[in-house]
């Protein structure tokens, strides 16, 4: 399993050239989506906690 360092550096360079900083609206939208996902996981965990507490498991 030989890794070609020059090829990897070339790939990384290309990725960095294509990548860009998100504008304000894009950043706010992705932040809202991430916050919604974190809140949803928290609510699911809390509901499971309540269910196990009431069931005595």
Foldseek 3Di string as FASTA:
>chain_A
DDDDPVVVVVVVVVVVVPDDDDDPVVVVVVVVVVVVVVVVVVVVVVVVVVVCVVVVD
